[in-house]
């Protein structure tokens, strides 16, 4: 193998490695600009879905706290749970 063939092979290996690394980083959510500086990630659909789920769980906790601490005697606990379930 001549010197120039070795140089071409080394350059190809480096280029393929950088492309694979860039593809992996993009799929993991990391991005960089032309200078290699990290840039802010854009929100993914999964992130928004998780935020919505957290909001729903917080609402459920509020309802459970209200049931546990509310001292209403008009409705029994089972009836109030059924009313909340119907909403």
PDB file of N, CA and C in Angstrom:
ATOM      1  N   UNK A   1       0.849  -1.171   0.000  1.00  0.00           N
ATOM      2  CA  UNK A   1       0.000   0.000   0.000  1.00  0.00           C
ATOM      3  C   UNK A   1       0.893   1.232   0.000  1.00  0.00           C
ATOM      4  N   UNK A   2       0.602   2.143  -0.895  1.00  0.00           N
ATOM      5  CA  UNK A   2       1.421   3.344  -0.995  1.00  0.00           C
ATOM      6  C   UNK A   2       1.007   4.345   0.085  1.00  0.00           C
ATOM      7  N   UNK A   3       1.813   5.369   0.229  1.00  0.00           N
ATOM      8  CA  UNK A   3       1.547   6.424   1.223  1.00  0.00           C
ATOM      9  C   UNK A   3       0.226   7.116   0.928  1.00  0.00           C
ATOM     10  N   UNK A   4      -0.057   7.399  -0.329  1.00  0.00           N
ATOM     11  CA  UNK A   4      -1.286   8.116  -0.678  1.00  0.00           C
ATOM     12  C   UNK A   4      -2.524   7.245  -0.465  1.00  0.00           C
ATOM     13  N   UNK A   5      -2.410   5.973  -0.709  1.00  0.00           N
ATOM     14  CA  UNK A   5      -3.526   5.061  -0.440  1.00  0.00           C
ATOM     15  C   UNK A   5      -3.833   5.025   1.054  1.00  0.00           C
ATOM     16  N   UNK A   6      -2.794   4.983   1.875  1.00  0.00           N
ATOM     17  CA  UNK A   6      -2.978   4.977   3.325  1.00  0.00           C
ATOM     18  C   UNK A   6      -3.642   6.269   3.793  1.00  0.00           C
ATOM     19  N   UNK A   7      -3.237   7.382   3.232  1.00  0.00           N
ATOM     20  CA  UNK A   7      -3.837   8.676   3.601  1.00  0.00           C
ATOM     21  C   UNK A   7      -5.315   8.696   3.227  1.00  0.00           C
ATOM     22  N   UNK A   8      -5.658   8.213   2.041  1.00  0.00           N
ATOM     23  CA  UNK A   8      -7.052   8.185   1.608  1.00  0.00           C
ATOM     24  C   UNK A   8      -7.874   7.287   2.531  1.00  0.00           C
ATOM     25  N   UNK A   9      -7.347   6.129   2.905  1.00  0.00           N
ATOM     26  CA  UNK A   9      -8.059   5.207   3.792  1.00  0.00           C
ATOM     27  C   UNK A   9      -8.280   5.859   5.158  1.00  0.00           C
ATOM     28  N   UNK A  10      -7.270   6.525   5.692  1.00  0.00           N
ATOM     29  CA  UNK A  10      -7.386   7.190   6.993  1.00  0.00           C
ATOM     30  C   UNK A  10      -8.441   8.291   6.936  1.00  0.00           C
ATOM     31  N   UNK A  11      -8.439   9.085   5.882  1.00  0.00           N
ATOM     32  CA  UNK A  11      -9.424  10.151   5.733  1.00  0.00           C
ATOM     33  C   UNK A  11     -10.829   9.563   5.636  1.00  0.00           C
ATOM     34  N   UNK A  12     -11.007   8.492   4.895  1.00  0.00           N
ATOM     35  CA  UNK A  12     -12.308   7.830   4.791  1.00  0.00           C
ATOM     36  C   UNK A  12     -12.782   7.301   6.149  1.00  0.00           C
ATOM     37  N   UNK A  13     -11.881   6.701   6.898  1.00  0.00           N
ATOM     38  CA  UNK A  13     -12.243   6.186   8.225  1.00  0.00           C
ATOM     39  C   UNK A  13     -12.695   7.334   9.127  1.00  0.00           C
ATOM     40  N   UNK A  14     -11.981   8.428   9.111  1.00  0.00           N
ATOM     41  CA  UNK A  14     -12.341   9.590   9.937  1.00  0.00           C
ATOM     42  C   UNK A  14     -13.693  10.157   9.512  1.00  0.00           C
ATOM     43  N   UNK A  15     -13.912  10.276   8.222  1.00  0.00           N
ATOM     44  CA  UNK A  15     -15.178  10.827   7.733  1.00  0.00           C
ATOM     45  C   UNK A  15     -16.356   9.944   8.114  1.00  0.00           C
ATOM     46  N   UNK A  16     -16.223   8.637   7.935  1.00  0.00           N
ATOM     47  CA  UNK A  16     -17.309   7.712   8.287  1.00  0.00           C
ATOM     48  C   UNK A  16     -17.564   7.737   9.787  1.00  0.00           C
ATOM     49  N   UNK A  17     -16.512   7.787  10.581  1.00  0.00           N
ATOM     50  CA  UNK A  17     -16.670   7.844  12.036  1.00  0.00           C
ATOM     51  C   UNK A  17     -17.403   9.111  12.458  1.00  0.00           C
ATOM     52  N   UNK A  18     -17.061  10.249  11.878  1.00  0.00           N
ATOM     53  CA  UNK A  18     -17.736  11.505  12.219  1.00  0.00           C
ATOM     54  C   UNK A  18     -19.203  11.477  11.805  1.00  0.00           C
ATOM     55  N   UNK A  19     -19.509  10.890  10.657  1.00  0.00           N
ATOM     56  CA  UNK A  19     -20.906  10.797  10.229  1.00  0.00           C
ATOM     57  C   UNK A  19     -21.695   9.899  11.175  1.00  0.00           C
ATOM     58  N   UNK A  20     -21.110   8.788  11.592  1.00  0.00           N
ATOM     59  CA  UNK A  20     -21.812   7.898  12.516  1.00  0.00           C
ATOM     60  C   UNK A  20     -22.033   8.577  13.867  1.00  0.00           C
ATOM     61  N   UNK A  21     -21.039   9.307  14.323  1.00  0.00           N
ATOM     62  CA  UNK A  21     -21.170  10.026  15.596  1.00  0.00           C
ATOM     63  C   UNK A  21     -22.232  11.111  15.507  1.00  0.00           C
ATOM     64  N   UNK A  22     -22.264  11.834  14.407  1.00  0.00           N
ATOM     65  CA  UNK A  22     -23.274  12.881  14.225  1.00  0.00           C
ATOM     66  C   UNK A  22     -24.676  12.282  14.181  1.00  0.00           C
ATOM     67  N   UNK A  23     -24.843  11.164  13.504  1.00  0.00           N
ATOM     68  CA  UNK A  23     -26.148  10.495  13.433  1.00  0.00           C
ATOM     69  C   UNK A  23     -26.583  10.030  14.824  1.00  0.00           C
ATOM     70  N   UNK A  24     -25.662   9.461  15.577  1.00  0.00           N
ATOM     71  CA  UNK A  24     -25.980   9.002  16.934  1.00  0.00           C
ATOM     72  C   UNK A  24     -26.356  10.182  17.827  1.00  0.00           C
ATOM     73  N   UNK A  25     -25.590  11.261  17.767  1.00  0.00           N
ATOM     74  CA  UNK A  25     -25.891  12.438  18.579  1.00  0.00           C
ATOM     75  C   UNK A  25     -27.244  13.035  18.209  1.00  0.00           C
ATOM     76  N   UNK A  26     -27.562  13.050  16.936  1.00  0.00           N
ATOM     77  CA  UNK A  26     -28.855  13.598  16.509  1.00  0.00           C
ATOM     78  C   UNK A  26     -29.999  12.743  17.024  1.00  0.00           C
ATOM     79  N   UNK A  27     -29.844  11.439  16.997  1.00  0.00           N
ATOM     80  CA  UNK A  27     -30.917  10.566  17.490  1.00  0.00           C
ATOM     81  C   UNK A  27     -31.033  10.642  19.005  1.00  0.00           C
ATOM     82  N   UNK A  28     -29.944  10.982  19.702  1.00  0.00           N
ATOM     83  CA  UNK A  28     -29.967  11.115  21.158  1.00  0.00           C
ATOM     84  C   UNK A  28     -30.430  12.501  21.591  1.00  0.00           C
ATOM     85  N   UNK A  29     -30.580  13.424  20.644  1.00  0.00           N
ATOM     86  CA  UNK A  29     -31.081  14.751  20.974  1.00  0.00           C
ATOM     87  C   UNK A  29     -30.007  15.808  21.152  1.00  0.00           C
ATOM     88  N   UNK A  30     -28.771  15.492  20.854  1.00  0.00           N
ATOM     89  CA  UNK A  30     -27.702  16.469  20.945  1.00  0.00           C
ATOM     90  C   UNK A  30     -27.463  17.066  19.568  1.00  0.00           C
ATOM     91  N   UNK A  31     -27.246  18.357  19.530  1.00  0.00           N
ATOM     92  CA  UNK A  31     -26.996  19.004  18.250  1.00  0.00           C
ATOM     93  C   UNK A  31     -25.909  20.063  18.424  1.00  0.00           C
ATOM     94  N   UNK A  32     -25.173  20.318  17.351  1.00  0.00           N
ATOM     95  CA  UNK A  32     -24.136  21.351  17.380  1.00  0.00           C
ATOM     96  C   UNK A  32     -24.247  22.194  16.122  1.00  0.00           C
ATOM     97  N   UNK A  33     -23.723  23.425  16.209  1.00  0.00           N
ATOM     98  CA  UNK A  33     -23.721  24.281  15.034  1.00  0.00           C
ATOM     99  C   UNK A  33     -22.452  24.019  14.212  1.00  0.00           C
ATOM    100  N   UNK A  34     -22.179  24.880  13.228  1.00  0.00           N
ATOM    101  CA  UNK A  34     -21.016  24.674  12.349  1.00  0.00           C
ATOM    102  C   UNK A  34     -19.696  24.683  13.108  1.00  0.00           C
ATOM    103  N   UNK A  35     -19.649  25.475  14.195  1.00  0.00           N
ATOM    104  CA  UNK A  35     -18.412  25.600  14.958  1.00  0.00           C
ATOM    105  C   UNK A  35     -18.254  24.517  16.019  1.00  0.00           C
ATOM    106  N   UNK A  36     -19.236  23.630  16.133  1.00  0.00           N
ATOM    107  CA  UNK A  36     -19.164  22.573  17.119  1.00  0.00           C
ATOM    108  C   UNK A  36     -19.732  22.949  18.476  1.00  0.00           C
ATOM    109  N   UNK A  37     -20.329  24.135  18.562  1.00  0.00           N
ATOM    110  CA  UNK A  37     -20.927  24.576  19.821  1.00  0.00           C
ATOM    111  C   UNK A  37     -22.295  23.928  20.003  1.00  0.00           C
ATOM    112  N   UNK A  38     -22.617  23.464  21.214  1.00  0.00           N
ATOM    113  CA  UNK A  38     -23.933  22.852  21.424  1.00  0.00           C
ATOM    114  C   UNK A  38     -25.054  23.873  21.268  1.00  0.00           C
ATOM    115  N   UNK A  39     -26.142  23.439  20.676  1.00  0.00           N
ATOM    116  CA  UNK A  39     -27.298  24.320  20.527  1.00  0.00           C
ATOM    117  C   UNK A  39     -28.471  23.710  21.273  1.00  0.00           C
ATOM    118  N   UNK A  40     -29.448  24.556  21.569  1.00  0.00           N
ATOM    119  CA  UNK A  40     -30.604  24.110  22.346  1.00  0.00           C
ATOM    120  C   UNK A  40     -31.400  23.089  21.561  1.00  0.00           C
ATOM    121  N   UNK A  41     -31.857  22.093  22.272  1.00  0.00           N
ATOM    122  CA  UNK A  41     -32.692  21.066  21.659  1.00  0.00           C
ATOM    123  C   UNK A  41     -34.088  21.592  21.450  1.00  0.00           C
ATOM    124  N   UNK A  42     -34.703  21.151  20.419  1.00  0.00           N
ATOM    125  CA  UNK A  42     -36.100  21.479  20.198  1.00  0.00           C
ATOM    126  C   UNK A  42     -36.923  20.427  20.893  1.00  0.00           C
ATOM    127  N   UNK A  43     -38.046  20.840  21.466  1.00  0.00           N
ATOM    128  CA  UNK A  43     -38.895  19.915  22.198  1.00  0.00           C
ATOM    129  C   UNK A  43     -39.409  18.802  21.306  1.00  0.00           C
ATOM    130  N   UNK A  44     -39.318  17.620  21.807  1.00  0.00           N
ATOM    131  CA  UNK A  44     -39.813  16.482  21.032  1.00  0.00           C
ATOM    132  C   UNK A  44     -41.243  16.191  21.436  1.00  0.00           C
ATOM    133  N   UNK A  45     -41.909  15.403  20.658  1.00  0.00           N
ATOM    134  CA  UNK A  45     -43.278  15.026  20.965  1.00  0.00           C
ATOM    135  C   UNK A  45     -43.353  14.247  22.262  1.00  0.00           C
ATOM    136  N   UNK A  46     -42.340  13.451  22.536  1.00  0.00           N
ATOM    137  CA  UNK A  46     -42.330  12.665  23.767  1.00  0.00           C
ATOM    138  C   UNK A  46     -42.241  13.578  24.991  1.00  0.00           C
ATOM    139  N   UNK A  47     -41.448  14.630  24.865  1.00  0.00           N
ATOM    140  CA  UNK A  47     -41.310  15.575  25.979  1.00  0.00           C
ATOM    141  C   UNK A  47     -42.641  16.256  26.286  1.00  0.00           C
ATOM    142  N   UNK A  48     -43.357  16.652  25.257  1.00  0.00           N
ATOM    143  CA  UNK A  48     -44.656  17.277  25.451  1.00  0.00           C
ATOM    144  C   UNK A  48     -45.649  16.288  26.042  1.00  0.00           C
ATOM    145  N   UNK A  49     -45.571  15.049  25.610  1.00  0.00           N
ATOM    146  CA  UNK A  49     -46.454  14.013  26.139  1.00  0.00           C
ATOM    147  C   UNK A  49     -46.185  13.792  27.628  1.00  0.00           C
ATOM    148  N   UNK A  50     -44.919  13.793  28.017  1.00  0.00           N
ATOM    149  CA  UNK A  50     -44.573  13.624  29.422  1.00  0.00           C
ATOM    150  C   UNK A  50     -45.051  14.805  30.255  1.00  0.00           C
ATOM    151  N   UNK A  51     -44.942  16.006  29.709  1.00  0.00           N
ATOM    152  CA  UNK A  51     -45.440  17.186  30.431  1.00  0.00           C
ATOM    153  C   UNK A  51     -46.943  17.093  30.650  1.00  0.00           C
ATOM    154  N   UNK A  52     -47.669  16.644  29.639  1.00  0.00           N
ATOM    155  CA  UNK A  52     -49.120  16.501  29.774  1.00  0.00           C
ATOM    156  C   UNK A  52     -49.457  15.440  30.819  1.00  0.00           C
ATOM    157  N   UNK A  53     -48.702  14.365  30.826  1.00  0.00           N
ATOM    158  CA  UNK A  53     -48.946  13.301  31.800  1.00  0.00           C
ATOM    159  C   UNK A  53     -48.674  13.796  33.221  1.00  0.00           C
ATOM    160  N   UNK A  54     -47.624  14.581  33.399  1.00  0.00           N
ATOM    161  CA  UNK A  54     -47.315  15.140  34.715  1.00  0.00           C
ATOM    162  C   UNK A  54     -48.436  16.062  35.178  1.00  0.00           C
ATOM    163  N   UNK A  55     -48.948  16.889  34.272  1.00  0.00           N
ATOM    164  CA  UNK A  55     -50.046  17.778  34.631  1.00  0.00           C
ATOM    165  C   UNK A  55     -51.279  16.976  35.056  1.00  0.00           C
ATOM    166  N   UNK A  56     -51.557  15.901  34.339  1.00  0.00           N
ATOM    167  CA  UNK A  56     -52.705  15.044  34.682  1.00  0.00           C
ATOM    168  C   UNK A  56     -52.509  14.403  36.053  1.00  0.00           C
ATOM    169  N   UNK A  57     -51.304  13.937  36.334  1.00  0.00           N
ATOM    170  CA  UNK A  57     -51.029  13.318  37.629  1.00  0.00           C
ATOM    171  C   UNK A  57     -51.127  14.333  38.768  1.00  0.00           C
ATOM    172  N   UNK A  58     -50.693  15.562  38.527  1.00  0.00           N
ATOM    173  CA  UNK A  58     -50.827  16.604  39.546  1.00  0.00           C
ATOM    174  C   UNK A  58     -52.290  16.866  39.857  1.00  0.00           C
ATOM    175  N   UNK A  59     -53.116  16.873  38.820  1.00  0.00           N
ATOM    176  CA  UNK A  59     -54.549  17.078  39.037  1.00  0.00           C
ATOM    177  C   UNK A  59     -55.133  15.932  39.850  1.00  0.00           C
ATOM    178  N   UNK A  60     -54.725  14.724  39.573  1.00  0.00           N
ATOM    179  CA  UNK A  60     -55.209  13.573  40.344  1.00  0.00           C
ATOM    180  C   UNK A  60     -54.806  13.684  41.812  1.00  0.00           C
ATOM    181  N   UNK A  61     -53.565  14.122  42.057  1.00  0.00           N
ATOM    182  CA  UNK A  61     -53.111  14.288  43.439  1.00  0.00           C
ATOM    183  C   UNK A  61     -53.954  15.346  44.138  1.00  0.00           C
ATOM    184  N   UNK A  62     -54.266  16.449  43.450  1.00  0.00           N
ATOM    185  CA  UNK A  62     -55.120  17.488  44.049  1.00  0.00           C
ATOM    186  C   UNK A  62     -56.469  16.910  44.448  1.00  0.00           C
ATOM    187  N   UNK A  63     -57.058  16.099  43.572  1.00  0.00           N
ATOM    188  CA  UNK A  63     -58.363  15.498  43.868  1.00  0.00           C
ATOM    189  C   UNK A  63     -58.245  14.570  45.075  1.00  0.00           C
ATOM    190  N   UNK A  64     -57.202  13.754  45.116  1.00  0.00           N
ATOM    191  CA  UNK A  64     -57.032  12.842  46.244  1.00  0.00           C
ATOM    192  C   UNK A  64     -56.812  13.603  47.550  1.00  0.00           C
ATOM    193  N   UNK A  65     -56.056  14.701  47.496  1.00  0.00           N
ATOM    194  CA  UNK A  65     -55.865  15.511  48.695  1.00  0.00           C
ATOM    195  C   UNK A  65     -57.192  16.107  49.153  1.00  0.00           C
ATOM    196  N   UNK A  66     -57.985  16.543  48.201  1.00  0.00           N
ATOM    197  CA  UNK A  66     -59.277  17.126  48.557  1.00  0.00           C
ATOM    198  C   UNK A  66     -60.176  16.076  49.198  1.00  0.00           C
ATOM    199  N   UNK A  67     -60.176  14.877  48.662  1.00  0.00           N
ATOM    200  CA  UNK A  67     -60.991  13.805  49.224  1.00  0.00           C
ATOM    201  C   UNK A  67     -60.515  13.464  50.636  1.00  0.00           C
ATOM    202  N   UNK A  68     -59.203  13.403  50.823  1.00  0.00           N
ATOM    203  CA  UNK A  68     -58.657  12.993  52.118  1.00  0.00           C
ATOM    204  C   UNK A  68     -58.836  14.063  53.184  1.00  0.00           C
ATOM    205  N   UNK A  69     -58.824  15.339  52.821  1.00  0.00           N
ATOM    206  CA  UNK A  69     -58.859  16.396  53.827  1.00  0.00           C
ATOM    207  C   UNK A  69     -60.209  17.085  53.937  1.00  0.00           C
ATOM    208  N   UNK A  70     -61.082  16.890  52.970  1.00  0.00           N
ATOM    209  CA  UNK A  70     -62.382  17.552  53.002  1.00  0.00           C
ATOM    210  C   UNK A  70     -63.256  16.900  54.067  1.00  0.00           C
ATOM    211  N   UNK A  71     -63.920  17.711  54.861  1.00  0.00           N
ATOM    212  CA  UNK A  71     -64.722  17.173  55.956  1.00  0.00           C
ATOM    213  C   UNK A  71     -66.206  17.276  55.662  1.00  0.00           C
ATOM    214  N   UNK A  72     -66.578  17.021  54.454  1.00  0.00           N
ATOM    215  CA  UNK A  72     -67.990  17.048  54.103  1.00  0.00           C
ATOM    216  C   UNK A  72     -68.664  15.799  54.640  1.00  0.00           C
ATOM    217  N   UNK A  73     -69.789  15.972  55.254  1.00  0.00           N
ATOM    218  CA  UNK A  73     -70.516  14.833  55.794  1.00  0.00           C
ATOM    219  C   UNK A  73     -71.709  14.455  54.927  1.00  0.00           C
ATOM    220  N   UNK A  74     -72.044  15.314  53.928  1.00  0.00           N
ATOM    221  CA  UNK A  74     -73.223  15.031  53.099  1.00  0.00           C
ATOM    222  C   UNK A  74     -73.033  13.777  52.259  1.00  0.00           C
ATOM    223  N   UNK A  75     -71.890  13.650  51.639  1.00  0.00           N
ATOM    224  CA  UNK A  75     -71.639  12.507  50.762  1.00  0.00           C
ATOM    225  C   UNK A  75     -70.643  11.558  51.405  1.00  0.00           C
ATOM    226  N   UNK A  76     -70.891  10.299  51.233  1.00  0.00           N
ATOM    227  CA  UNK A  76     -69.923   9.312  51.697  1.00  0.00           C
ATOM    228  C   UNK A  76     -68.724   9.302  50.758  1.00  0.00           C
ATOM    229  N   UNK A  77     -67.643   8.741  51.226  1.00  0.00           N
ATOM    230  CA  UNK A  77     -66.413   8.707  50.428  1.00  0.00           C
ATOM    231  C   UNK A  77     -66.626   7.951  49.120  1.00  0.00           C
ATOM    232  N   UNK A  78     -67.321   6.843  49.144  1.00  0.00           N
ATOM    233  CA  UNK A  78     -67.546   6.054  47.929  1.00  0.00           C
ATOM    234  C   UNK A  78     -68.377   6.828  46.921  1.00  0.00           C
ATOM    235  N   UNK A  79     -69.397   7.557  47.403  1.00  0.00           N
ATOM    236  CA  UNK A  79     -70.231   8.347  46.493  1.00  0.00           C
ATOM    237  C   UNK A  79     -69.436   9.471  45.846  1.00  0.00           C
ATOM    238  N   UNK A  80     -68.568  10.118  46.620  1.00  0.00           N
ATOM    239  CA  UNK A  80     -67.772  11.214  46.065  1.00  0.00           C
ATOM    240  C   UNK A  80     -66.781  10.706  45.034  1.00  0.00           C
ATOM    241  N   UNK A  81     -66.194   9.552  45.283  1.00  0.00           N
ATOM    242  CA  UNK A  81     -65.289   8.965  44.297  1.00  0.00           C
ATOM    243  C   UNK A  81     -66.030   8.664  43.006  1.00  0.00           C
ATOM    244  N   UNK A  82     -67.219   8.140  43.116  1.00  0.00           N
ATOM    245  CA  UNK A  82     -68.015   7.847  41.927  1.00  0.00           C
ATOM    246  C   UNK A  82     -68.370   9.130  41.179  1.00  0.00           C
ATOM    247  N   UNK A  83     -68.680  10.203  41.899  1.00  0.00           N
ATOM    248  CA  UNK A  83     -68.979  11.473  41.241  1.00  0.00           C
ATOM    249  C   UNK A  83     -67.759  12.000  40.491  1.00  0.00           C
ATOM    250  N   UNK A  84     -66.604  11.889  41.099  1.00  0.00           N
ATOM    251  CA  UNK A  84     -65.375  12.353  40.446  1.00  0.00           C
ATOM    252  C   UNK A  84     -65.049  11.476  39.235  1.00  0.00           C
ATOM    253  N   UNK A  85     -65.327  10.207  39.319  1.00  0.00           N
ATOM    254  CA  UNK A  85     -65.057   9.289  38.223  1.00  0.00           C
ATOM    255  C   UNK A  85     -65.939   9.609  37.022  1.00  0.00           C
ATOM    256  N   UNK A  86     -67.167  10.075  37.288  1.00  0.00           N
ATOM    257  CA  UNK A  86     -68.118  10.382  36.215  1.00  0.00           C
ATOM    258  C   UNK A  86     -67.711  11.625  35.424  1.00  0.00           C
ATOM    259  N   UNK A  87     -66.883  12.489  35.991  1.00  0.00           N
ATOM    260  CA  UNK A  87     -66.503  13.735  35.299  1.00  0.00           C
ATOM    261  C   UNK A  87     -65.781  13.508  34.033  1.00  0.00           C
TER     262      UNK A  87
END
